Amino acid sequence: MPAEDGPASDLAQRLRDRGWRLTAQRRVVAEVLAGEHVHLTADEVHTMAQRTLPEISLATVYNTLNELVGMGEALEIAPGDGPKRYDPNVATAHHHLHCVSCGALRDVNPEGAAALSLPPDERHGFEVLDVDIVFRGRCPHCREVAATAAGWPTA
């Protein structure tokens, strides 16, 4: 699978630069994660990785994803009730837009997010390390499907 240009396309190179041993399995997982708006589940990563490396196990995929998250080279996202997703876009601060119908997940940069802060009296003694905003809604396709099923006009 060819890597796309974008914030995550250089994941394998970032890993090499960190001195991470890129086994065939790790390389394939990194290649699967390359591209814009990549938010795959571990099962999806496994299925796609098997196209290149049929013998890769689901356990190896989970181990590799957990290592990437631990190294700060991927984000683990739990947008809803479904499985966790893995996002290699760690170079650009962003949030997410989640379709509650089909599960599609997109990177977004909402207005005012950079100025978002939690006042000291609302922190309850916590040290705030990160902010993760997930907008939930329906994508255009799911909106159209719902409108058609309800007999509403689609425009």
C-alpha atoms as a PDB file:
ATOM      1  CA  MET A   1       0.000   0.000   0.000  1.00  0.00           C
ATOM      2  CA  PRO A   2       1.630   3.275  -1.051  1.00  0.00           C
ATOM      3  CA  ALA A   3       1.929   5.972   1.570  1.00  0.00           C
ATOM      4  CA  GLU A   4       0.108   9.220   0.913  1.00  0.00           C
ATOM      5  CA  ASP A   5       1.571  12.641   1.448  1.00  0.00           C
ATOM      6  CA  GLY A   6       0.510  14.170   4.731  1.00  0.00           C
ATOM      7  CA  PRO A   7       1.241  14.348   8.436  1.00  0.00           C
ATOM      8  CA  ALA A   8       1.277  10.585   8.890  1.00  0.00           C
ATOM      9  CA  SER A   9       3.034   9.558   5.672  1.00  0.00           C
ATOM     10  CA  ASP A  10       6.440   9.768   7.326  1.00  0.00           C
ATOM     11  CA  LEU A  11       5.587   7.490  10.267  1.00  0.00           C
ATOM     12  CA  ALA A  12       8.081   4.793   9.251  1.00  0.00           C
ATOM     13  CA  GLN A  13      10.820   7.420   8.855  1.00  0.00           C
ATOM     14  CA  ARG A  14      10.020   8.945  12.248  1.00  0.00           C
ATOM     15  CA  LEU A  15      10.312   5.479  13.770  1.00  0.00           C
ATOM     16  CA  ARG A  16      13.668   4.855  12.061  1.00  0.00           C
ATOM     17  CA  ASP A  17      14.899   8.234  13.302  1.00  0.00           C
ATOM     18  CA  ARG A  18      13.996   7.170  16.850  1.00  0.00           C
ATOM     19  CA  GLY A  19      16.036   3.999  16.437  1.00  0.00           C
ATOM     20  CA  TRP A  20      12.978   1.736  16.528  1.00  0.00           C
ATOM     21  CA  ARG A  21      13.751  -1.622  14.955  1.00  0.00           C
ATOM     22  CA  LEU A  22      11.451  -1.864  11.945  1.00  0.00           C
ATOM     23  CA  THR A  23      10.670  -5.540  11.566  1.00  0.00           C
ATOM     24  CA  ALA A  24       8.561  -6.566   8.564  1.00  0.00           C
ATOM     25  CA  GLN A  25       5.484  -6.612  10.813  1.00  0.00           C
ATOM     26  CA  ARG A  26       6.107  -3.157  12.277  1.00  0.00           C
ATOM     27  CA  ARG A  27       6.868  -1.722   8.831  1.00  0.00           C
ATOM     28  CA  VAL A  28       3.590  -3.074   7.431  1.00  0.00           C
ATOM     29  CA  VAL A  29       1.581  -1.630  10.337  1.00  0.00           C
ATOM     30  CA  ALA A  30       3.291   1.747   9.820  1.00  0.00           C
ATOM     31  CA  GLU A  31       2.497   1.593   6.088  1.00  0.00           C
ATOM     32  CA  VAL A  32      -1.164   0.799   6.783  1.00  0.00           C
ATOM     33  CA  LEU A  33      -1.370   3.834   9.070  1.00  0.00           C
ATOM     34  CA  ALA A  34       0.145   6.221   6.502  1.00  0.00           C
ATOM     35  CA  GLY A  35      -2.073   8.937   5.053  1.00  0.00           C
ATOM     36  CA  GLU A  36      -4.516  11.698   5.912  1.00  0.00           C
ATOM     37  CA  HIS A  37      -7.548  11.072   8.115  1.00  0.00           C
ATOM     38  CA  VAL A  38      -6.481   7.533   8.986  1.00  0.00           C
ATOM     39  CA  HIS A  39      -8.465   6.259  11.967  1.00  0.00           C
ATOM     40  CA  LEU A  40      -8.428   2.483  11.783  1.00  0.00           C
ATOM     41  CA  THR A  41      -9.392  -0.109  14.364  1.00  0.00           C
ATOM     42  CA  ALA A  42      -6.870  -2.810  15.243  1.00  0.00           C
ATOM     43  CA  ASP A  43      -8.958  -5.314  13.244  1.00  0.00           C
ATOM     44  CA  GLU A  44      -8.892  -3.023  10.195  1.00  0.00           C
ATOM     45  CA  VAL A  45      -5.123  -2.560  10.525  1.00  0.00           C
ATOM     46  CA  HIS A  46      -4.761  -6.355  10.775  1.00  0.00           C
ATOM     47  CA  THR A  47      -6.923  -7.000   7.692  1.00  0.00           C
ATOM     48  CA  MET A  48      -5.044  -4.427   5.615  1.00  0.00           C
ATOM     49  CA  ALA A  49      -1.637  -5.583   6.870  1.00  0.00           C
ATOM     50  CA  GLN A  50      -2.455  -9.184   5.899  1.00  0.00           C
ATOM     51  CA  ARG A  51      -2.746  -8.089   2.261  1.00  0.00           C
ATOM     52  CA  THR A  52       1.002  -7.394   2.309  1.00  0.00           C
ATOM     53  CA  LEU A  53       2.101  -9.811   5.029  1.00  0.00           C
ATOM     54  CA  PRO A  54      -0.437 -12.662   5.300  1.00  0.00           C
ATOM     55  CA  GLU A  55       1.231 -14.231   8.349  1.00  0.00           C
ATOM     56  CA  ILE A  56       0.952 -11.144  10.595  1.00  0.00           C
ATOM     57  CA  SER A  57      -1.058 -11.937  13.720  1.00  0.00           C
ATOM     58  CA  LEU A  58      -3.689  -9.792  15.384  1.00  0.00           C
ATOM     59  CA  ALA A  59      -1.625  -9.931  18.597  1.00  0.00           C
ATOM     60  CA  THR A  60       1.373  -8.447  16.763  1.00  0.00           C
ATOM     61  CA  VAL A  61      -0.832  -5.664  15.385  1.00  0.00           C
ATOM     62  CA  TYR A  62      -2.164  -4.870  18.887  1.00  0.00           C
ATOM     63  CA  ASN A  63       1.362  -4.953  20.345  1.00  0.00           C
ATOM     64  CA  THR A  64       2.676  -2.655  17.619  1.00  0.00           C
ATOM     65  CA  LEU A  65      -0.226  -0.219  17.995  1.00  0.00           C
ATOM     66  CA  ASN A  66       0.246  -0.138  21.768  1.00  0.00           C
ATOM     67  CA  GLU A  67       3.960   0.552  21.307  1.00  0.00           C
ATOM     68  CA  LEU A  68       3.204   3.369  18.855  1.00  0.00           C
ATOM     69  CA  VAL A  69       0.754   4.927  21.312  1.00  0.00           C
ATOM     70  CA  GLY A  70       3.255   4.556  24.161  1.00  0.00           C
ATOM     71  CA  MET A  71       5.942   6.268  22.074  1.00  0.00           C
ATOM     72  CA  GLY A  72       3.612   9.113  21.178  1.00  0.00           C
ATOM     73  CA  GLU A  73       3.658   8.161  17.498  1.00  0.00           C
ATOM     74  CA  ALA A  74      -0.075   7.351  17.347  1.00  0.00           C
ATOM     75  CA  LEU A  75      -3.161   8.453  19.222  1.00  0.00           C
ATOM     76  CA  GLU A  76      -5.686   6.005  20.617  1.00  0.00           C
ATOM     77  CA  ILE A  77      -9.192   7.363  20.106  1.00  0.00           C
ATOM     78  CA  ALA A  78     -12.449   6.040  21.565  1.00  0.00           C
ATOM     79  CA  PRO A  79     -15.042   8.122  19.688  1.00  0.00           C
ATOM     80  CA  GLY A  80     -18.111   6.207  20.818  1.00  0.00           C
ATOM     81  CA  ASP A  81     -19.317   2.779  21.854  1.00  0.00           C
ATOM     82  CA  GLY A  82     -17.312   0.981  19.174  1.00  0.00           C
ATOM     83  CA  PRO A  83     -13.712  -0.179  19.127  1.00  0.00           C
ATOM     84  CA  LYS A  84     -10.763   2.131  19.660  1.00  0.00           C
ATOM     85  CA  ARG A  85      -9.256   3.784  16.610  1.00  0.00           C
ATOM     86  CA  TYR A  86      -5.609   4.609  15.975  1.00  0.00           C
ATOM     87  CA  ASP A  87      -4.568   7.963  14.531  1.00  0.00           C
ATOM     88  CA  PRO A  88      -0.963   8.507  13.381  1.00  0.00           C
ATOM     89  CA  ASN A  89      -1.460  12.269  12.982  1.00  0.00           C
ATOM     90  CA  VAL A  90       0.500  13.375  16.043  1.00  0.00           C
ATOM     91  CA  ALA A  91       2.366  16.208  14.315  1.00  0.00           C
ATOM     92  CA  THR A  92      -0.651  18.507  14.023  1.00  0.00           C
ATOM     93  CA  ALA A  93      -2.918  19.372  16.950  1.00  0.00           C
ATOM     94  CA  HIS A  94      -6.460  18.468  15.971  1.00  0.00           C
ATOM     95  CA  HIS A  95      -9.775  17.106  17.182  1.00  0.00           C
ATOM     96  CA  HIS A  96     -12.278  14.706  15.643  1.00  0.00           C
ATOM     97  CA  LEU A  97     -15.659  14.609  13.912  1.00  0.00           C
ATOM     98  CA  HIS A  98     -17.456  11.261  14.350  1.00  0.00           C
ATOM     99  CA  CYS A  99     -20.455   9.950  12.411  1.00  0.00           C
ATOM    100  CA  VAL A 100     -22.682   8.215  14.955  1.00  0.00           C
ATOM    101  CA  SER A 101     -24.335   6.156  12.194  1.00  0.00           C
ATOM    102  CA  CYS A 102     -21.459   4.649  10.191  1.00  0.00           C
ATOM    103  CA  GLY A 103     -18.497   5.405  12.467  1.00  0.00           C
ATOM    104  CA  ALA A 104     -16.598   7.614   9.993  1.00  0.00           C
ATOM    105  CA  LEU A 105     -13.993   9.718  11.768  1.00  0.00           C
ATOM    106  CA  ARG A 106     -12.319  12.863  10.424  1.00  0.00           C
ATOM    107  CA  ASP A 107      -9.631  15.204  11.742  1.00  0.00           C
ATOM    108  CA  VAL A 108     -10.939  18.739  12.316  1.00  0.00           C
ATOM    109  CA  ASN A 109      -9.546  22.026  13.593  1.00  0.00           C
ATOM    110  CA  PRO A 110     -12.452  23.817  15.289  1.00  0.00           C
ATOM    111  CA  GLU A 111     -12.461  27.569  15.704  1.00  0.00           C
ATOM    112  CA  GLY A 112     -11.463  28.672  19.172  1.00  0.00           C
ATOM    113  CA  ALA A 113      -9.969  25.312  20.175  1.00  0.00           C
ATOM    114  CA  ALA A 114      -6.521  26.816  20.707  1.00  0.00           C
ATOM    115  CA  ALA A 115      -7.954  29.221  23.288  1.00  0.00           C
ATOM    116  CA  LEU A 116      -9.873  26.512  25.153  1.00  0.00           C
ATOM    117  CA  SER A 117      -8.807  26.261  28.765  1.00  0.00           C
ATOM    118  CA  LEU A 118     -10.113  24.921  32.043  1.00  0.00           C
ATOM    119  CA  PRO A 119     -10.191  27.470  34.865  1.00  0.00           C
ATOM    120  CA  PRO A 120      -8.172  26.451  37.937  1.00  0.00           C
ATOM    121  CA  ASP A 121     -11.301  26.055  40.095  1.00  0.00           C
ATOM    122  CA  GLU A 122     -12.680  23.522  37.575  1.00  0.00           C
ATOM    123  CA  ARG A 123      -9.559  21.323  37.516  1.00  0.00           C
ATOM    124  CA  HIS A 124     -10.255  19.684  40.907  1.00  0.00           C
ATOM    125  CA  GLY A 125      -6.534  19.355  41.563  1.00  0.00           C
ATOM    126  CA  PHE A 126      -5.824  17.716  38.201  1.00  0.00           C
ATOM    127  CA  GLU A 127      -2.841  18.610  36.065  1.00  0.00           C
ATOM    128  CA  VAL A 128      -4.371  19.007  32.599  1.00  0.00           C
ATOM    129  CA  LEU A 129      -2.186  17.226  30.038  1.00  0.00           C
ATOM    130  CA  ASP A 130      -4.338  17.216  26.947  1.00  0.00           C
ATOM    131  CA  VAL A 131      -7.739  18.114  25.513  1.00  0.00           C
ATOM    132  CA  ASP A 132      -9.617  15.795  23.182  1.00  0.00           C
ATOM    133  CA  ILE A 133     -12.776  17.126  21.562  1.00  0.00           C
ATOM    134  CA  VAL A 134     -15.021  14.782  19.587  1.00  0.00           C
ATOM    135  CA  PHE A 135     -17.865  16.327  17.611  1.00  0.00           C
ATOM    136  CA  ARG A 136     -20.641  13.816  16.931  1.00  0.00           C
ATOM    137  CA  GLY A 137     -23.133  13.935  14.096  1.00  0.00           C
ATOM    138  CA  ARG A 138     -24.106  12.260  10.833  1.00  0.00           C
ATOM    139  CA  CYS A 139     -21.992  12.332   7.684  1.00  0.00           C
ATOM    140  CA  PRO A 140     -23.610  13.432   4.390  1.00  0.00           C
ATOM    141  CA  HIS A 141     -24.124   9.831   3.242  1.00  0.00           C
ATOM    142  CA  CYS A 142     -25.831   8.755   6.483  1.00  0.00           C
ATOM    143  CA  ARG A 143     -27.980  11.901   6.524  1.00  0.00           C
ATOM    144  CA  GLU A 144     -29.148  11.096   2.998  1.00  0.00           C
ATOM    145  CA  VAL A 145     -29.866   7.465   3.890  1.00  0.00           C
ATOM    146  CA  ALA A 146     -31.877   8.558   6.951  1.00  0.00           C
ATOM    147  CA  ALA A 147     -33.789  11.158   4.941  1.00  0.00           C
ATOM    148  CA  THR A 148     -34.599   8.648   2.200  1.00  0.00           C
ATOM    149  CA  ALA A 149     -35.761   6.063   4.743  1.00  0.00           C
ATOM    150  CA  ALA A 150     -38.004   8.670   6.374  1.00  0.00           C
ATOM    151  CA  GLY A 151     -39.373   9.802   3.006  1.00  0.00           C
ATOM    152  CA  TRP A 152     -37.874  13.283   3.302  1.00  0.00           C
ATOM    153  CA  PRO A 153     -36.628  15.093   0.238  1.00  0.00           C
ATOM    154  CA  THR A 154     -32.872  14.985  -0.267  1.00  0.00           C
ATOM    155  CA  ALA A 155     -31.251  18.038  -1.743  1.00  0.00           C
END
